[in-house]
Amino acid sequence: PEGARGKLADAMGMDKKNRRGELRFVLLERL
């Protein structure tokens, strides 16, 4: 949504995939 991007980093800090305080993402090699 408009205006949400700048607020997402703090919310992502509580993601359950994070390890030792570092953000972990599921990423694509290809479709």
PDB file of all heavy atoms in Angstrom:
ATOM      1  N   PRO A   1       0.820  -1.211   0.000  1.00  0.00           N
ATOM      2  CA  PRO A   1       0.000   0.000   0.000  1.00  0.00           C
ATOM      3  C   PRO A   1       0.855   1.264   0.000  1.00  0.00           C
ATOM      4  O   PRO A   1       2.005   1.255   0.460  1.00  0.00           O
ATOM      5  CB  PRO A   1      -0.808  -0.104   1.302  1.00  0.00           C
ATOM      6  CG  PRO A   1      -0.710  -1.531   1.704  1.00  0.00           C
ATOM      7  CD  PRO A   1       0.585  -2.041   1.178  1.00  0.00           C
ATOM      8  N   GLU A   2       0.305   2.325  -0.494  1.00  0.00           N
ATOM      9  CA  GLU A   2       0.990   3.609  -0.518  1.00  0.00           C
ATOM     10  C   GLU A   2       1.417   3.992   0.902  1.00  0.00           C
ATOM     11  O   GLU A   2       0.630   3.945   1.842  1.00  0.00           O
ATOM     12  CB  GLU A   2       0.042   4.685  -1.082  1.00  0.00           C
ATOM     13  CG  GLU A   2       0.693   6.005  -1.344  1.00  0.00           C
ATOM     14  CD  GLU A   2       1.617   5.976  -2.556  1.00  0.00           C
ATOM     15  OE1 GLU A   2       1.391   5.135  -3.448  1.00  0.00           O
ATOM     16  OE2 GLU A   2       2.550   6.793  -2.594  1.00  0.00           O
ATOM     17  N   GLY A   3       2.687   4.334   1.049  1.00  0.00           N
ATOM     18  CA  GLY A   3       3.194   4.779   2.334  1.00  0.00           C
ATOM     19  C   GLY A   3       3.629   3.682   3.278  1.00  0.00           C
ATOM     20  O   GLY A   3       4.114   3.972   4.378  1.00  0.00           O
ATOM     21  N   ALA A   4       3.472   2.409   2.878  1.00  0.00           N
ATOM     22  CA  ALA A   4       3.792   1.307   3.801  1.00  0.00           C
ATOM     23  C   ALA A   4       5.249   0.864   3.735  1.00  0.00           C
ATOM     24  O   ALA A   4       5.778   0.323   4.707  1.00  0.00           O
ATOM     25  CB  ALA A   4       2.892   0.110   3.519  1.00  0.00           C
ATOM     26  N   ARG A   5       5.917   1.073   2.598  1.00  0.00           N
ATOM     27  CA  ARG A   5       7.247   0.493   2.405  1.00  0.00           C
ATOM     28  C   ARG A   5       8.225   0.858   3.519  1.00  0.00           C
ATOM     29  O   ARG A   5       8.962   0.016   4.022  1.00  0.00           O
ATOM     30  CB  ARG A   5       7.841   0.945   1.067  1.00  0.00           C
ATOM     31  CG  ARG A   5       7.263   0.246  -0.140  1.00  0.00           C
ATOM     32  CD  ARG A   5       7.992   0.668  -1.404  1.00  0.00           C
ATOM     33  NE  ARG A   5       7.325   0.169  -2.590  1.00  0.00           N
ATOM     34  CZ  ARG A   5       7.597  -0.990  -3.174  1.00  0.00           C
ATOM     35  NH1 ARG A   5       8.521  -1.779  -2.669  1.00  0.00           N
ATOM     36  NH2 ARG A   5       6.943  -1.365  -4.263  1.00  0.00           N
ATOM     37  N   GLY A   6       8.243   2.126   3.899  1.00  0.00           N
ATOM     38  CA  GLY A   6       9.207   2.578   4.886  1.00  0.00           C
ATOM     39  C   GLY A   6       8.987   2.012   6.275  1.00  0.00           C
ATOM     40  O   GLY A   6       9.879   2.111   7.132  1.00  0.00           O
ATOM     41  N   LYS A   7       7.820   1.396   6.511  1.00  0.00           N
ATOM     42  CA  LYS A   7       7.504   0.846   7.833  1.00  0.00           C
ATOM     43  C   LYS A   7       7.722  -0.666   7.916  1.00  0.00           C
ATOM     44  O   LYS A   7       7.579  -1.255   8.987  1.00  0.00           O
ATOM     45  CB  LYS A   7       6.045   1.147   8.180  1.00  0.00           C
ATOM     46  CG  LYS A   7       5.675   2.624   8.123  1.00  0.00           C
ATOM     47  CD  LYS A   7       4.172   2.799   8.326  1.00  0.00           C
ATOM     48  CE  LYS A   7       3.759   4.260   8.156  1.00  0.00           C
ATOM     49  NZ  LYS A   7       2.278   4.412   8.276  1.00  0.00           N
ATOM     50  N   LEU A   8       8.044  -1.290   6.780  1.00  0.00           N
ATOM     51  CA  LEU A   8       8.071  -2.748   6.746  1.00  0.00           C
ATOM     52  C   LEU A   8       9.284  -3.347   7.446  1.00  0.00           C
ATOM     53  O   LEU A   8       9.205  -4.445   7.990  1.00  0.00           O
ATOM     54  CB  LEU A   8       8.026  -3.246   5.298  1.00  0.00           C
ATOM     55  CG  LEU A   8       6.767  -2.893   4.500  1.00  0.00           C
ATOM     56  CD1 LEU A   8       6.860  -3.490   3.094  1.00  0.00           C
ATOM     57  CD2 LEU A   8       5.520  -3.396   5.208  1.00  0.00           C
ATOM     58  N   ALA A   9      10.415  -2.647   7.444  1.00  0.00           N
ATOM     59  CA  ALA A   9      11.639  -3.223   8.008  1.00  0.00           C
ATOM     60  C   ALA A   9      11.467  -3.579   9.477  1.00  0.00           C
ATOM     61  O   ALA A   9      11.881  -4.660   9.925  1.00  0.00           O
ATOM     62  CB  ALA A   9      12.807  -2.257   7.825  1.00  0.00           C
ATOM     63  N   ASP A  10      10.868  -2.685  10.254  1.00  0.00           N
ATOM     64  CA  ASP A  10      10.670  -2.970  11.686  1.00  0.00           C
ATOM     65  C   ASP A  10       9.778  -4.185  11.874  1.00  0.00           C
ATOM     66  O   ASP A  10      10.045  -5.044  12.723  1.00  0.00           O
ATOM     67  CB  ASP A  10      10.058  -1.758  12.394  1.00  0.00           C
ATOM     68  CG  ASP A  10      11.063  -0.644  12.614  1.00  0.00           C
ATOM     69  OD1 ASP A  10      12.279  -0.914  12.509  1.00  0.00           O
ATOM     70  OD2 ASP A  10      10.633   0.495  12.887  1.00  0.00           O
ATOM     71  N   ALA A  11       8.707  -4.280  11.101  1.00  0.00           N
ATOM     72  CA  ALA A  11       7.784  -5.409  11.233  1.00  0.00           C
ATOM     73  C   ALA A  11       8.469  -6.719  10.839  1.00  0.00           C
ATOM     74  O   ALA A  11       8.220  -7.767  11.450  1.00  0.00           O
ATOM     75  CB  ALA A  11       6.539  -5.182  10.370  1.00  0.00           C
ATOM     76  N   MET A  12       9.347  -6.672   9.848  1.00  0.00           N
ATOM     77  CA  MET A  12      10.032  -7.884   9.414  1.00  0.00           C
ATOM     78  C   MET A  12      11.027  -8.378  10.454  1.00  0.00           C
ATOM     79  O   MET A  12      11.429  -9.538  10.431  1.00  0.00           O
ATOM     80  CB  MET A  12      10.735  -7.650   8.079  1.00  0.00           C
ATOM     81  CG  MET A  12       9.764  -7.512   6.922  1.00  0.00           C
ATOM     82  SD  MET A  12      10.571  -7.605   5.296  1.00  0.00           S
ATOM     83  CE  MET A  12      11.704  -6.245   5.390  1.00  0.00           C
ATOM     84  N   GLY A  13      11.412  -7.528  11.382  1.00  0.00           N
ATOM     85  CA  GLY A  13      12.339  -7.947  12.424  1.00  0.00           C
ATOM     86  C   GLY A  13      11.787  -9.033  13.320  1.00  0.00           C
ATOM     87  O   GLY A  13      12.556  -9.752  13.982  1.00  0.00           O
ATOM     88  N   MET A  14      10.463  -9.223  13.332  1.00  0.00           N
ATOM     89  CA  MET A  14       9.831 -10.262  14.154  1.00  0.00           C
ATOM     90  C   MET A  14       9.478 -11.501  13.348  1.00  0.00           C
ATOM     91  O   MET A  14       8.792 -12.381  13.845  1.00  0.00           O
ATOM     92  CB  MET A  14       8.573  -9.715  14.825  1.00  0.00           C
ATOM     93  CG  MET A  14       8.848  -8.681  15.912  1.00  0.00           C
ATOM     94  SD  MET A  14       9.847  -9.340  17.265  1.00  0.00           S
ATOM     95  CE  MET A  14       8.681 -10.484  18.019  1.00  0.00           C
ATOM     96  N   ASP A  15       9.953 -11.593  12.107  1.00  0.00           N
ATOM     97  CA  ASP A  15       9.635 -12.763  11.282  1.00  0.00           C
ATOM     98  C   ASP A  15      10.237 -14.030  11.887  1.00  0.00           C
ATOM     99  O   ASP A  15      11.390 -14.038  12.347  1.00  0.00           O
ATOM    100  CB  ASP A  15      10.171 -12.559   9.862  1.00  0.00           C
ATOM    101  CG  ASP A  15       9.695 -13.639   8.912  1.00  0.00           C
ATOM    102  OD1 ASP A  15       8.600 -13.485   8.360  1.00  0.00           O
ATOM    103  OD2 ASP A  15      10.418 -14.639   8.753  1.00  0.00           O
ATOM    104  N   LYS A  16       9.466 -15.122  11.862  1.00  0.00           N
ATOM    105  CA  LYS A  16       9.886 -16.358  12.533  1.00  0.00           C
ATOM    106  C   LYS A  16      11.053 -17.050  11.833  1.00  0.00           C
ATOM    107  O   LYS A  16      11.682 -17.925  12.415  1.00  0.00           O
ATOM    108  CB  LYS A  16       8.695 -17.321  12.635  1.00  0.00           C
ATOM    109  CG  LYS A  16       7.542 -16.770  13.477  1.00  0.00           C
ATOM    110  CD  LYS A  16       6.457 -17.796  13.687  1.00  0.00           C
ATOM    111  CE  LYS A  16       5.774 -18.185  12.400  1.00  0.00           C
ATOM    112  NZ  LYS A  16       5.132 -17.053  11.714  1.00  0.00           N
ATOM    113  N   LYS A  17      11.351 -16.697  10.571  1.00  0.00           N
ATOM    114  CA  LYS A  17      12.475 -17.328   9.871  1.00  0.00           C
ATOM    115  C   LYS A  17      13.816 -16.704  10.249  1.00  0.00           C
ATOM    116  O   LYS A  17      14.859 -17.233   9.910  1.00  0.00           O
ATOM    117  CB  LYS A  17      12.277 -17.229   8.357  1.00  0.00           C
ATOM    118  CG  LYS A  17      11.092 -18.003   7.817  1.00  0.00           C
ATOM    119  CD  LYS A  17      11.039 -17.960   6.310  1.00  0.00           C
ATOM    120  CE  LYS A  17      10.848 -16.559   5.782  1.00  0.00           C
ATOM    121  NZ  LYS A  17       9.633 -15.898   6.281  1.00  0.00           N
ATOM    122  N   ASN A  18      13.776 -15.562  10.929  1.00  0.00           N
ATOM    123  CA  ASN A  18      15.024 -14.872  11.262  1.00  0.00           C
ATOM    124  C   ASN A  18      15.882 -15.728  12.190  1.00  0.00           C
ATOM    125  O   ASN A  18      15.370 -16.472  13.031  1.00  0.00           O
ATOM    126  CB  ASN A  18      14.735 -13.526  11.922  1.00  0.00           C
ATOM    127  CG  ASN A  18      14.010 -12.563  10.991  1.00  0.00           C
ATOM    128  OD1 ASN A  18      13.961 -12.794   9.785  1.00  0.00           O
ATOM    129  ND2 ASN A  18      13.453 -11.510  11.547  1.00  0.00           N
ATOM    130  N   ARG A  19      17.187 -15.600  12.049  1.00  0.00           N
ATOM    131  CA  ARG A  19      18.125 -16.319  12.900  1.00  0.00           C
ATOM    132  C   ARG A  19      19.202 -15.359  13.393  1.00  0.00           C
ATOM    133  O   ARG A  19      19.791 -14.622  12.613  1.00  0.00           O
ATOM    134  CB  ARG A  19      18.790 -17.475  12.124  1.00  0.00           C
ATOM    135  CG  ARG A  19      17.829 -18.580  11.689  1.00  0.00           C
ATOM    136  CD  ARG A  19      17.273 -19.364  12.877  1.00  0.00           C
ATOM    137  NE  ARG A  19      16.427 -20.464  12.437  1.00  0.00           N
ATOM    138  CZ  ARG A  19      15.121 -20.367  12.224  1.00  0.00           C
ATOM    139  NH1 ARG A  19      14.508 -19.208  12.393  1.00  0.00           N
ATOM    140  NH2 ARG A  19      14.428 -21.415  11.822  1.00  0.00           N
ATOM    141  N   ARG A  20      19.415 -15.375  14.710  1.00  0.00           N
ATOM    142  CA  ARG A  20      20.439 -14.527  15.334  1.00  0.00           C
ATOM    143  C   ARG A  20      20.277 -13.066  14.926  1.00  0.00           C
ATOM    144  O   ARG A  20      21.261 -12.344  14.697  1.00  0.00           O
ATOM    145  CB  ARG A  20      21.836 -15.032  14.982  1.00  0.00           C
ATOM    146  CG  ARG A  20      22.108 -16.456  15.462  1.00  0.00           C
ATOM    147  CD  ARG A  20      23.518 -16.905  15.105  1.00  0.00           C
ATOM    148  NE  ARG A  20      23.754 -18.282  15.546  1.00  0.00           N
ATOM    149  CZ  ARG A  20      23.466 -19.347  14.823  1.00  0.00           C
ATOM    150  NH1 ARG A  20      22.923 -19.200  13.623  1.00  0.00           N
ATOM    151  NH2 ARG A  20      23.707 -20.564  15.280  1.00  0.00           N
ATOM    152  N   GLY A  21      19.041 -12.640  14.859  1.00  0.00           N
ATOM    153  CA  GLY A  21      18.760 -11.251  14.547  1.00  0.00           C
ATOM    154  C   GLY A  21      18.903 -10.873  13.093  1.00  0.00           C
ATOM    155  O   GLY A  21      18.746  -9.700  12.740  1.00  0.00           O
ATOM    156  N   GLU A  22      19.198 -11.843  12.225  1.00  0.00           N
ATOM    157  CA  GLU A  22      19.372 -11.546  10.811  1.00  0.00           C
ATOM    158  C   GLU A  22      18.139 -11.974  10.018  1.00  0.00           C
ATOM    159  O   GLU A  22      17.596 -13.057  10.234  1.00  0.00           O
ATOM    160  CB  GLU A  22      20.608 -12.268  10.258  1.00  0.00           C
ATOM    161  CG  GLU A  22      21.917 -11.786  10.857  1.00  0.00           C
ATOM    162  CD  GLU A  22      23.109 -12.467  10.221  1.00  0.00           C
ATOM    163  OE1 GLU A  22      22.899 -13.332   9.334  1.00  0.00           O
ATOM    164  OE2 GLU A  22      24.249 -12.144  10.615  1.00  0.00           O
ATOM    165  N   LEU A  23      17.729 -11.123   9.075  1.00  0.00           N
ATOM    166  CA  LEU A  23      16.600 -11.448   8.213  1.00  0.00           C
ATOM    167  C   LEU A  23      16.971 -12.587   7.271  1.00  0.00           C
ATOM    168  O   LEU A  23      18.039 -12.576   6.659  1.00  0.00           O
ATOM    169  CB  LEU A  23      16.189 -10.228   7.385  1.00  0.00           C
ATOM    170  CG  LEU A  23      15.523  -9.063   8.128  1.00  0.00           C
ATOM    171  CD1 LEU A  23      15.358  -7.887   7.193  1.00  0.00           C
ATOM    172  CD2 LEU A  23      14.180  -9.486   8.689  1.00  0.00           C
ATOM    173  N   ARG A  24      16.085 -13.581   7.190  1.00  0.00           N
ATOM    174  CA  ARG A  24      16.272 -14.682   6.251  1.00  0.00           C
ATOM    175  C   ARG A  24      15.080 -14.709   5.303  1.00  0.00           C
ATOM    176  O   ARG A  24      13.937 -14.660   5.753  1.00  0.00           O
ATOM    177  CB  ARG A  24      16.380 -16.031   6.980  1.00  0.00           C
ATOM    178  CG  ARG A  24      17.601 -16.155   7.847  1.00  0.00           C
ATOM    179  CD  ARG A  24      17.564 -17.443   8.661  1.00  0.00           C
ATOM    180  NE  ARG A  24      17.910 -18.618   7.869  1.00  0.00           N
ATOM    181  CZ  ARG A  24      17.099 -19.642   7.649  1.00  0.00           C
ATOM    182  NH1 ARG A  24      15.859 -19.629   8.100  1.00  0.00           N
ATOM    183  NH2 ARG A  24      17.499 -20.686   6.942  1.00  0.00           N
ATOM    184  N   PHE A  25      15.362 -14.776   4.031  1.00  0.00           N
ATOM    185  CA  PHE A  25      14.301 -14.738   3.030  1.00  0.00           C
ATOM    186  C   PHE A  25      14.272 -16.038   2.227  1.00  0.00           C
ATOM    187  O   PHE A  25      15.299 -16.691   2.056  1.00  0.00           O
ATOM    188  CB  PHE A  25      14.528 -13.575   2.055  1.00  0.00           C
ATOM    189  CG  PHE A  25      14.370 -12.217   2.663  1.00  0.00           C
ATOM    190  CD1 PHE A  25      15.463 -11.552   3.203  1.00  0.00           C
ATOM    191  CD2 PHE A  25      13.129 -11.606   2.701  1.00  0.00           C
ATOM    192  CE1 PHE A  25      15.315 -10.302   3.766  1.00  0.00           C
ATOM    193  CE2 PHE A  25      12.968 -10.352   3.266  1.00  0.00           C
ATOM    194  CZ  PHE A  25      14.067  -9.695   3.799  1.00  0.00           C
ATOM    195  N   VAL A  26      13.082 -16.368   1.753  1.00  0.00           N
ATOM    196  CA  VAL A  26      12.941 -17.400   0.728  1.00  0.00           C
ATOM    197  C   VAL A  26      13.058 -16.676  -0.600  1.00  0.00           C
ATOM    198  O   VAL A  26      12.276 -15.769  -0.897  1.00  0.00           O
ATOM    199  CB  VAL A  26      11.587 -18.121   0.839  1.00  0.00           C
ATOM    200  CG1 VAL A  26      11.484 -19.205  -0.224  1.00  0.00           C
ATOM    201  CG2 VAL A  26      11.399 -18.699   2.229  1.00  0.00           C
ATOM    202  N   LEU A  27      14.052 -17.067  -1.394  1.00  0.00           N
ATOM    203  CA  LEU A  27      14.331 -16.379  -2.642  1.00  0.00           C
ATOM    204  C   LEU A  27      14.174 -17.330  -3.828  1.00  0.00           C
ATOM    205  O   LEU A  27      14.164 -18.553  -3.662  1.00  0.00           O
ATOM    206  CB  LEU A  27      15.754 -15.813  -2.617  1.00  0.00           C
ATOM    207  CG  LEU A  27      16.039 -14.799  -1.500  1.00  0.00           C
ATOM    208  CD1 LEU A  27      17.496 -14.351  -1.552  1.00  0.00           C
ATOM    209  CD2 LEU A  27      15.116 -13.599  -1.590  1.00  0.00           C
ATOM    210  N   LEU A  28      14.038 -16.759  -4.999  1.00  0.00           N
ATOM    211  CA  LEU A  28      13.868 -17.546  -6.218  1.00  0.00           C
ATOM    212  C   LEU A  28      15.180 -17.685  -6.972  1.00  0.00           C
ATOM    213  O   LEU A  28      15.945 -16.731  -7.093  1.00  0.00           O
ATOM    214  CB  LEU A  28      12.862 -16.874  -7.155  1.00  0.00           C
ATOM    215  CG  LEU A  28      11.393 -16.824  -6.740  1.00  0.00           C
ATOM    216  CD1 LEU A  28      10.582 -16.197  -7.863  1.00  0.00           C
ATOM    217  CD2 LEU A  28      10.866 -18.202  -6.398  1.00  0.00           C
ATOM    218  N   GLU A  29      15.423 -18.900  -7.492  1.00  0.00           N
ATOM    219  CA  GLU A  29      16.441 -19.067  -8.509  1.00  0.00           C
ATOM    220  C   GLU A  29      15.827 -18.805  -9.884  1.00  0.00           C
ATOM    221  O   GLU A  29      16.457 -18.230 -10.767  1.00  0.00           O
ATOM    222  CB  GLU A  29      17.038 -20.472  -8.447  1.00  0.00           C
ATOM    223  CG  GLU A  29      17.867 -20.713  -7.189  1.00  0.00           C
ATOM    224  CD  GLU A  29      18.587 -22.046  -7.220  1.00  0.00           C
ATOM    225  OE1 GLU A  29      18.308 -22.872  -8.130  1.00  0.00           O
ATOM    226  OE2 GLU A  29      19.425 -22.270  -6.338  1.00  0.00           O
ATOM    227  N   ARG A  30      14.587 -19.238 -10.021  1.00  0.00           N
ATOM    228  CA  ARG A  30      13.811 -19.027 -11.245  1.00  0.00           C
ATOM    229  C   ARG A  30      12.375 -19.405 -10.919  1.00  0.00           C
ATOM    230  O   ARG A  30      12.103 -19.954  -9.858  1.00  0.00           O
ATOM    231  CB  ARG A  30      14.335 -19.904 -12.384  1.00  0.00           C
ATOM    232  CG  ARG A  30      14.278 -21.383 -12.087  1.00  0.00           C
ATOM    233  CD  ARG A  30      14.842 -22.226 -13.222  1.00  0.00           C
ATOM    234  NE  ARG A  30      14.703 -23.655 -12.938  1.00  0.00           N
ATOM    235  CZ  ARG A  30      15.551 -24.371 -12.224  1.00  0.00           C
ATOM    236  NH1 ARG A  30      16.627 -23.794 -11.693  1.00  0.00           N
ATOM    237  NH2 ARG A  30      15.356 -25.663 -12.042  1.00  0.00           N
ATOM    238  N   LEU A  31      11.441 -19.111 -11.792  1.00  0.00           N
ATOM    239  CA  LEU A  31      10.063 -19.536 -11.596  1.00  0.00           C
ATOM    240  C   LEU A  31      10.020 -21.058 -11.512  1.00  0.00           C
ATOM    241  O   LEU A  31      10.500 -21.749 -12.409  1.00  0.00           O
ATOM    242  CB  LEU A  31       9.173 -19.048 -12.745  1.00  0.00           C
ATOM    243  CG  LEU A  31       8.844 -17.561 -12.770  1.00  0.00           C
ATOM    244  CD1 LEU A  31       7.990 -17.230 -13.984  1.00  0.00           C
ATOM    245  CD2 LEU A  31       8.125 -17.120 -11.487  1.00  0.00           C
TER     246      LEU A  31
END
